[in-house]
């Protein structure tokens, strides 16, 4: 059983390394084709492209896990929904369907309209 786990981890690590290598090569190729003619900059090597990917991950991606927090977030949200009354749950669902921005509560009276009436 442990042997299969080791082989699986090894396969995932190998696939990850190949993916990083391919993406680095694509970044290097695109940079070397586009950037010198557009901005008159120098071409870059493979390792510089890899460094550029790491830098962009640090600056723009951060180090948080993908997926919005994983299964714990879903479990907490499920617990909160179960604790709500049916009216609260329906109100929450309506708010989520509305999205954000000015169209959020289109068709429903606002708090200000209720106060005026």
N, C-alpha and C. Protein backbone atom coordinates (compact mmCIF):
# COMPACT_ATOMS: atom_id res chain seq x y z
N UNK A 1 0.82 -1.18 0.00
CA UNK A 1 0.00 0.00 0.00
C UNK A 1 0.87 1.26 0.00
N UNK A 2 1.92 1.27 0.83
CA UNK A 2 2.80 2.43 0.89
C UNK A 2 3.57 2.62 -0.41
N UNK A 3 3.86 1.53 -1.09
CA UNK A 3 4.58 1.63 -2.35
C UNK A 3 3.74 2.36 -3.39
N UNK A 4 2.45 2.05 -3.44
CA UNK A 4 1.57 2.71 -4.39
C UNK A 4 1.45 4.20 -4.08
N UNK A 5 1.40 4.53 -2.80
CA UNK A 5 1.33 5.94 -2.40
C UNK A 5 2.61 6.67 -2.83
N UNK A 6 3.75 6.03 -2.62
CA UNK A 6 5.02 6.64 -3.02
C UNK A 6 5.07 6.84 -4.54
N UNK A 7 4.63 5.84 -5.29
CA UNK A 7 4.62 5.97 -6.75
C UNK A 7 3.65 7.06 -7.21
N UNK A 8 2.54 7.18 -6.52
CA UNK A 8 1.57 8.22 -6.87
C UNK A 8 2.14 9.61 -6.61
N UNK A 9 2.77 9.79 -5.45
CA UNK A 9 3.39 11.07 -5.12
C UNK A 9 4.50 11.39 -6.11
N UNK A 10 5.30 10.39 -6.45
CA UNK A 10 6.38 10.57 -7.42
C UNK A 10 5.83 10.98 -8.78
N UNK A 11 4.74 10.34 -9.21
CA UNK A 11 4.12 10.67 -10.49
C UNK A 11 3.58 12.09 -10.49
N UNK A 12 2.94 12.50 -9.40
CA UNK A 12 2.40 13.86 -9.32
C UNK A 12 3.53 14.88 -9.33
N UNK A 13 4.61 14.60 -8.59
CA UNK A 13 5.75 15.52 -8.57
C UNK A 13 6.39 15.62 -9.95
N UNK A 14 6.50 14.51 -10.64
CA UNK A 14 7.09 14.51 -11.99
C UNK A 14 6.20 15.28 -12.96
N UNK A 15 4.90 15.07 -12.90
CA UNK A 15 3.99 15.81 -13.76
C UNK A 15 4.02 17.30 -13.45
N UNK A 16 4.12 17.65 -12.17
CA UNK A 16 4.22 19.05 -11.79
C UNK A 16 5.48 19.70 -12.33
N UNK A 17 6.59 18.98 -12.24
CA UNK A 17 7.86 19.51 -12.75
C UNK A 17 7.80 19.69 -14.27
N UNK A 18 7.20 18.73 -14.97
CA UNK A 18 7.07 18.84 -16.43
C UNK A 18 6.16 20.02 -16.78
N UNK A 19 5.07 20.20 -16.04
CA UNK A 19 4.16 21.31 -16.31
C UNK A 19 4.85 22.65 -16.10
N UNK A 20 5.62 22.79 -15.01
CA UNK A 20 6.34 24.03 -14.77
C UNK A 20 7.36 24.27 -15.87
N UNK A 21 8.03 23.21 -16.32
CA UNK A 21 9.01 23.35 -17.40
C UNK A 21 8.37 23.79 -18.71
N UNK A 22 7.24 23.22 -19.03
CA UNK A 22 6.55 23.57 -20.28
C UNK A 22 6.04 25.01 -20.21
N UNK A 23 5.45 25.40 -19.08
CA UNK A 23 4.94 26.77 -18.95
C UNK A 23 6.09 27.77 -19.01
N UNK A 24 7.22 27.44 -18.38
CA UNK A 24 8.39 28.33 -18.45
C UNK A 24 8.88 28.48 -19.88
N UNK A 25 8.90 27.38 -20.62
CA UNK A 25 9.34 27.44 -22.02
C UNK A 25 8.39 28.30 -22.86
N UNK A 26 7.08 28.18 -22.60
CA UNK A 26 6.10 28.98 -23.33
C UNK A 26 6.28 30.45 -23.01
N UNK A 27 6.48 30.78 -21.72
CA UNK A 27 6.69 32.18 -21.34
C UNK A 27 7.95 32.73 -22.00
N UNK A 28 9.03 31.94 -21.99
CA UNK A 28 10.27 32.37 -22.62
C UNK A 28 10.07 32.61 -24.12
N UNK A 29 9.39 31.68 -24.76
CA UNK A 29 9.18 31.82 -26.19
C UNK A 29 8.32 33.04 -26.53
N UNK A 30 7.25 33.23 -25.81
CA UNK A 30 6.39 34.38 -26.07
C UNK A 30 7.13 35.69 -25.79
N UNK A 31 7.87 35.74 -24.69
CA UNK A 31 8.63 36.95 -24.37
C UNK A 31 9.61 37.26 -25.50
N UNK A 32 10.37 36.23 -25.93
CA UNK A 32 11.41 36.45 -26.93
C UNK A 32 10.85 36.79 -28.31
N UNK A 33 9.62 36.39 -28.58
CA UNK A 33 9.01 36.73 -29.87
C UNK A 33 8.37 38.12 -29.82
N UNK A 34 7.68 38.43 -28.73
CA UNK A 34 6.89 39.65 -28.68
C UNK A 34 7.61 40.86 -28.09
N UNK A 35 8.22 40.70 -26.96
CA UNK A 35 8.73 41.85 -26.21
C UNK A 35 9.86 42.62 -26.92
N UNK A 36 10.85 41.97 -27.52
CA UNK A 36 11.89 42.76 -28.18
C UNK A 36 11.37 43.65 -29.31
N UNK A 37 10.39 43.16 -30.05
CA UNK A 37 9.87 43.97 -31.15
C UNK A 37 8.92 45.07 -30.67
N UNK A 38 8.24 44.84 -29.57
CA UNK A 38 7.28 45.83 -29.07
C UNK A 38 7.96 46.90 -28.22
N UNK A 39 8.78 46.47 -27.25
CA UNK A 39 9.37 47.39 -26.28
C UNK A 39 10.88 47.53 -26.38
N UNK A 40 11.50 46.89 -27.32
CA UNK A 40 12.95 46.93 -27.52
C UNK A 40 13.70 46.49 -26.26
N UNK A 41 13.27 45.37 -25.66
CA UNK A 41 13.97 44.80 -24.51
C UNK A 41 14.75 43.58 -24.96
N UNK A 42 15.62 43.09 -24.10
CA UNK A 42 16.44 41.93 -24.45
C UNK A 42 15.63 40.64 -24.34
N UNK A 43 16.12 39.62 -25.00
CA UNK A 43 15.51 38.30 -24.87
C UNK A 43 15.91 37.72 -23.51
N UNK A 44 15.15 36.71 -23.05
CA UNK A 44 15.43 36.12 -21.75
C UNK A 44 15.73 34.63 -21.93
N UNK A 45 16.39 34.07 -20.92
CA UNK A 45 16.71 32.64 -20.95
C UNK A 45 15.58 31.85 -20.29
N UNK A 46 15.71 30.55 -20.31
CA UNK A 46 14.71 29.67 -19.70
C UNK A 46 14.61 29.96 -18.20
N UNK A 47 15.73 30.09 -17.53
CA UNK A 47 15.75 30.31 -16.08
C UNK A 47 15.18 31.69 -15.72
N UNK A 48 15.41 32.66 -16.57
CA UNK A 48 14.81 33.97 -16.32
C UNK A 48 13.29 33.90 -16.48
N UNK A 49 12.81 33.11 -17.42
CA UNK A 49 11.37 32.93 -17.59
C UNK A 49 10.77 32.23 -16.37
N UNK A 50 11.48 31.24 -15.83
CA UNK A 50 11.02 30.57 -14.63
C UNK A 50 10.97 31.55 -13.46
N UNK A 51 12.00 32.38 -13.33
CA UNK A 51 12.02 33.40 -12.29
C UNK A 51 10.89 34.41 -12.46
N UNK A 52 10.59 34.75 -13.69
CA UNK A 52 9.48 35.67 -13.97
C UNK A 52 8.14 35.07 -13.54
N UNK A 53 7.97 33.77 -13.78
CA UNK A 53 6.75 33.09 -13.33
C UNK A 53 6.63 33.09 -11.81
N UNK A 54 7.74 32.81 -11.12
CA UNK A 54 7.73 32.81 -9.66
C UNK A 54 7.43 34.20 -9.13
N UNK A 55 8.06 35.21 -9.72
CA UNK A 55 7.81 36.59 -9.30
C UNK A 55 6.35 36.99 -9.51
N UNK A 56 5.78 36.61 -10.64
CA UNK A 56 4.37 36.96 -10.89
C UNK A 56 3.45 36.22 -9.93
N UNK A 57 3.81 35.00 -9.56
CA UNK A 57 3.02 34.27 -8.57
C UNK A 57 3.06 34.97 -7.22
N UNK A 58 4.23 35.44 -6.83
CA UNK A 58 4.37 36.14 -5.55
C UNK A 58 3.60 37.45 -5.58
N UNK A 59 3.74 38.22 -6.65
CA UNK A 59 3.11 39.53 -6.71
C UNK A 59 1.61 39.47 -6.92
N UNK A 60 1.13 38.58 -7.76
CA UNK A 60 -0.27 38.58 -8.14
C UNK A 60 -1.08 37.41 -7.60
N UNK A 61 -0.44 36.30 -7.31
CA UNK A 61 -1.19 35.12 -6.88
C UNK A 61 -1.22 34.92 -5.39
N UNK A 62 -0.19 35.35 -4.69
CA UNK A 62 -0.12 35.12 -3.26
C UNK A 62 0.17 33.66 -2.98
N UNK A 63 0.04 33.29 -1.71
CA UNK A 63 0.33 31.92 -1.31
C UNK A 63 -0.88 31.23 -0.67
N UNK A 64 -2.06 31.76 -0.92
CA UNK A 64 -3.25 31.13 -0.36
C UNK A 64 -3.62 29.91 -1.20
N UNK A 65 -4.30 28.95 -0.58
CA UNK A 65 -4.68 27.76 -1.34
C UNK A 65 -5.78 28.08 -2.34
N UNK A 66 -5.80 27.41 -3.49
CA UNK A 66 -6.85 27.66 -4.47
C UNK A 66 -8.18 27.09 -4.00
N UNK A 67 -9.26 27.63 -4.51
CA UNK A 67 -10.58 27.09 -4.22
C UNK A 67 -11.32 27.77 -3.08
N UNK A 68 -10.84 28.89 -2.61
CA UNK A 68 -11.57 29.65 -1.60
C UNK A 68 -11.58 29.03 -0.22
N UNK A 69 -10.56 28.29 0.16
CA UNK A 69 -10.49 27.79 1.52
C UNK A 69 -10.77 26.31 1.66
N UNK A 70 -11.18 25.65 0.61
CA UNK A 70 -11.34 24.21 0.65
C UNK A 70 -12.60 23.73 1.33
N UNK A 71 -12.61 22.46 1.75
CA UNK A 71 -13.82 21.84 2.29
C UNK A 71 -14.25 22.45 3.62
N UNK A 72 -13.33 23.00 4.41
CA UNK A 72 -13.72 23.59 5.69
C UNK A 72 -14.68 24.75 5.48
N UNK A 73 -14.44 25.56 4.44
CA UNK A 73 -15.30 26.68 4.15
C UNK A 73 -16.70 26.19 3.80
N UNK A 74 -16.76 25.16 2.99
CA UNK A 74 -18.07 24.61 2.60
C UNK A 74 -18.80 24.04 3.80
N UNK A 75 -18.07 23.37 4.68
CA UNK A 75 -18.68 22.79 5.86
C UNK A 75 -19.24 23.88 6.78
N UNK A 76 -18.48 24.95 6.99
CA UNK A 76 -18.96 26.05 7.83
C UNK A 76 -20.20 26.71 7.22
N UNK A 77 -20.18 26.91 5.91
CA UNK A 77 -21.33 27.53 5.25
C UNK A 77 -22.56 26.62 5.36
N UNK A 78 -22.37 25.33 5.21
CA UNK A 78 -23.47 24.38 5.33
C UNK A 78 -24.05 24.41 6.74
N UNK A 79 -23.18 24.48 7.74
CA UNK A 79 -23.64 24.55 9.13
C UNK A 79 -24.43 25.83 9.37
N UNK A 80 -23.97 26.93 8.82
CA UNK A 80 -24.68 28.20 8.99
C UNK A 80 -26.06 28.15 8.34
N UNK A 81 -26.12 27.57 7.14
CA UNK A 81 -27.42 27.47 6.46
C UNK A 81 -28.38 26.58 7.23
N UNK A 82 -27.89 25.49 7.80
CA UNK A 82 -28.75 24.59 8.57
C UNK A 82 -29.27 25.27 9.83
N UNK A 83 -28.49 26.19 10.42
CA UNK A 83 -28.90 26.86 11.65
C UNK A 83 -29.93 27.96 11.39
N UNK A 84 -30.10 28.37 10.14
CA UNK A 84 -31.04 29.45 9.82
C UNK A 84 -32.47 28.93 9.78
N UNK A 85 -33.40 29.82 10.05
CA UNK A 85 -34.81 29.49 9.87
C UNK A 85 -35.10 29.49 8.37
N UNK A 86 -36.20 28.88 7.96
CA UNK A 86 -36.51 28.87 6.52
C UNK A 86 -36.63 30.27 5.92
N UNK A 87 -37.15 31.23 6.69
CA UNK A 87 -37.27 32.60 6.18
C UNK A 87 -35.90 33.23 5.99
N UNK A 88 -35.02 33.03 6.99
CA UNK A 88 -33.66 33.57 6.88
C UNK A 88 -32.91 32.95 5.71
N UNK A 89 -33.10 31.65 5.54
CA UNK A 89 -32.43 30.94 4.46
C UNK A 89 -32.89 31.46 3.10
N UNK A 90 -34.20 31.68 2.94
CA UNK A 90 -34.72 32.19 1.68
C UNK A 90 -34.22 33.61 1.42
N UNK A 91 -34.18 34.43 2.46
CA UNK A 91 -33.67 35.80 2.32
C UNK A 91 -32.20 35.77 1.90
N UNK A 92 -31.43 34.88 2.50
CA UNK A 92 -30.01 34.75 2.14
C UNK A 92 -29.86 34.31 0.69
N UNK A 93 -30.63 33.33 0.27
CA UNK A 93 -30.56 32.85 -1.11
C UNK A 93 -30.93 33.93 -2.10
N UNK A 94 -31.95 34.72 -1.78
CA UNK A 94 -32.34 35.83 -2.65
C UNK A 94 -31.21 36.84 -2.77
N UNK A 95 -30.56 37.13 -1.66
CA UNK A 95 -29.43 38.05 -1.69
C UNK A 95 -28.28 37.52 -2.53
N UNK A 96 -28.03 36.23 -2.47
CA UNK A 96 -26.94 35.64 -3.26
C UNK A 96 -27.29 35.63 -4.74
N UNK A 97 -28.53 35.42 -5.08
CA UNK A 97 -28.94 35.43 -6.49
C UNK A 97 -28.82 36.82 -7.10
N UNK A 98 -29.03 37.83 -6.28
CA UNK A 98 -29.02 39.20 -6.77
C UNK A 98 -27.64 39.67 -7.19
N UNK A 99 -26.58 39.04 -6.70
CA UNK A 99 -25.23 39.48 -7.04
C UNK A 99 -24.87 40.75 -6.30
N UNK A 100 -23.94 41.49 -6.87
CA UNK A 100 -23.52 42.73 -6.24
C UNK A 100 -23.65 43.87 -7.25
N UNK A 101 -23.66 45.06 -6.75
CA UNK A 101 -23.79 46.21 -7.62
C UNK A 101 -25.17 46.80 -7.55
N UNK A 102 -25.47 47.73 -8.44
CA UNK A 102 -26.75 48.43 -8.37
C UNK A 102 -27.96 47.56 -8.63
N UNK A 103 -27.81 46.45 -9.33
CA UNK A 103 -28.95 45.60 -9.65
C UNK A 103 -29.23 44.59 -8.55
N UNK A 104 -28.54 44.70 -7.43
CA UNK A 104 -28.62 43.69 -6.39
C UNK A 104 -30.05 43.41 -5.93
N UNK A 105 -30.80 44.44 -5.64
CA UNK A 105 -32.16 44.24 -5.15
C UNK A 105 -33.18 44.81 -6.12
N UNK A 106 -32.98 44.61 -7.39
CA UNK A 106 -33.92 45.15 -8.39
C UNK A 106 -35.29 44.51 -8.18
N UNK A 107 -36.28 45.35 -8.14
CA UNK A 107 -37.64 44.85 -8.01
C UNK A 107 -38.12 44.74 -6.59
N UNK A 108 -37.23 44.84 -5.60
CA UNK A 108 -37.65 44.80 -4.21
C UNK A 108 -37.48 46.18 -3.61
N UNK A 109 -38.37 46.57 -2.74
CA UNK A 109 -38.26 47.91 -2.16
C UNK A 109 -37.04 48.02 -1.27
N UNK A 110 -36.39 49.16 -1.30
CA UNK A 110 -35.22 49.38 -0.47
C UNK A 110 -35.65 49.77 0.93
N UNK A 111 -34.71 49.77 1.84
CA UNK A 111 -34.99 50.16 3.23
C UNK A 111 -35.49 51.60 3.29
N UNK A 112 -34.90 52.48 2.46
CA UNK A 112 -35.30 53.88 2.45
C UNK A 112 -36.75 54.02 1.96
N UNK A 113 -37.14 53.21 0.98
CA UNK A 113 -38.51 53.28 0.46
C UNK A 113 -39.50 52.82 1.51
N UNK A 114 -39.09 51.81 2.32
CA UNK A 114 -39.97 51.32 3.38
C UNK A 114 -40.15 52.38 4.46
N UNK A 115 -39.08 53.11 4.78
CA UNK A 115 -39.15 54.13 5.82
C UNK A 115 -40.06 55.28 5.38
N UNK A 116 -39.98 55.67 4.11
CA UNK A 116 -40.78 56.76 3.59
C UNK A 116 -42.26 56.43 3.57
N UNK A 117 -42.59 55.14 3.36
CA UNK A 117 -44.00 54.73 3.23
C UNK A 117 -44.73 54.67 4.53
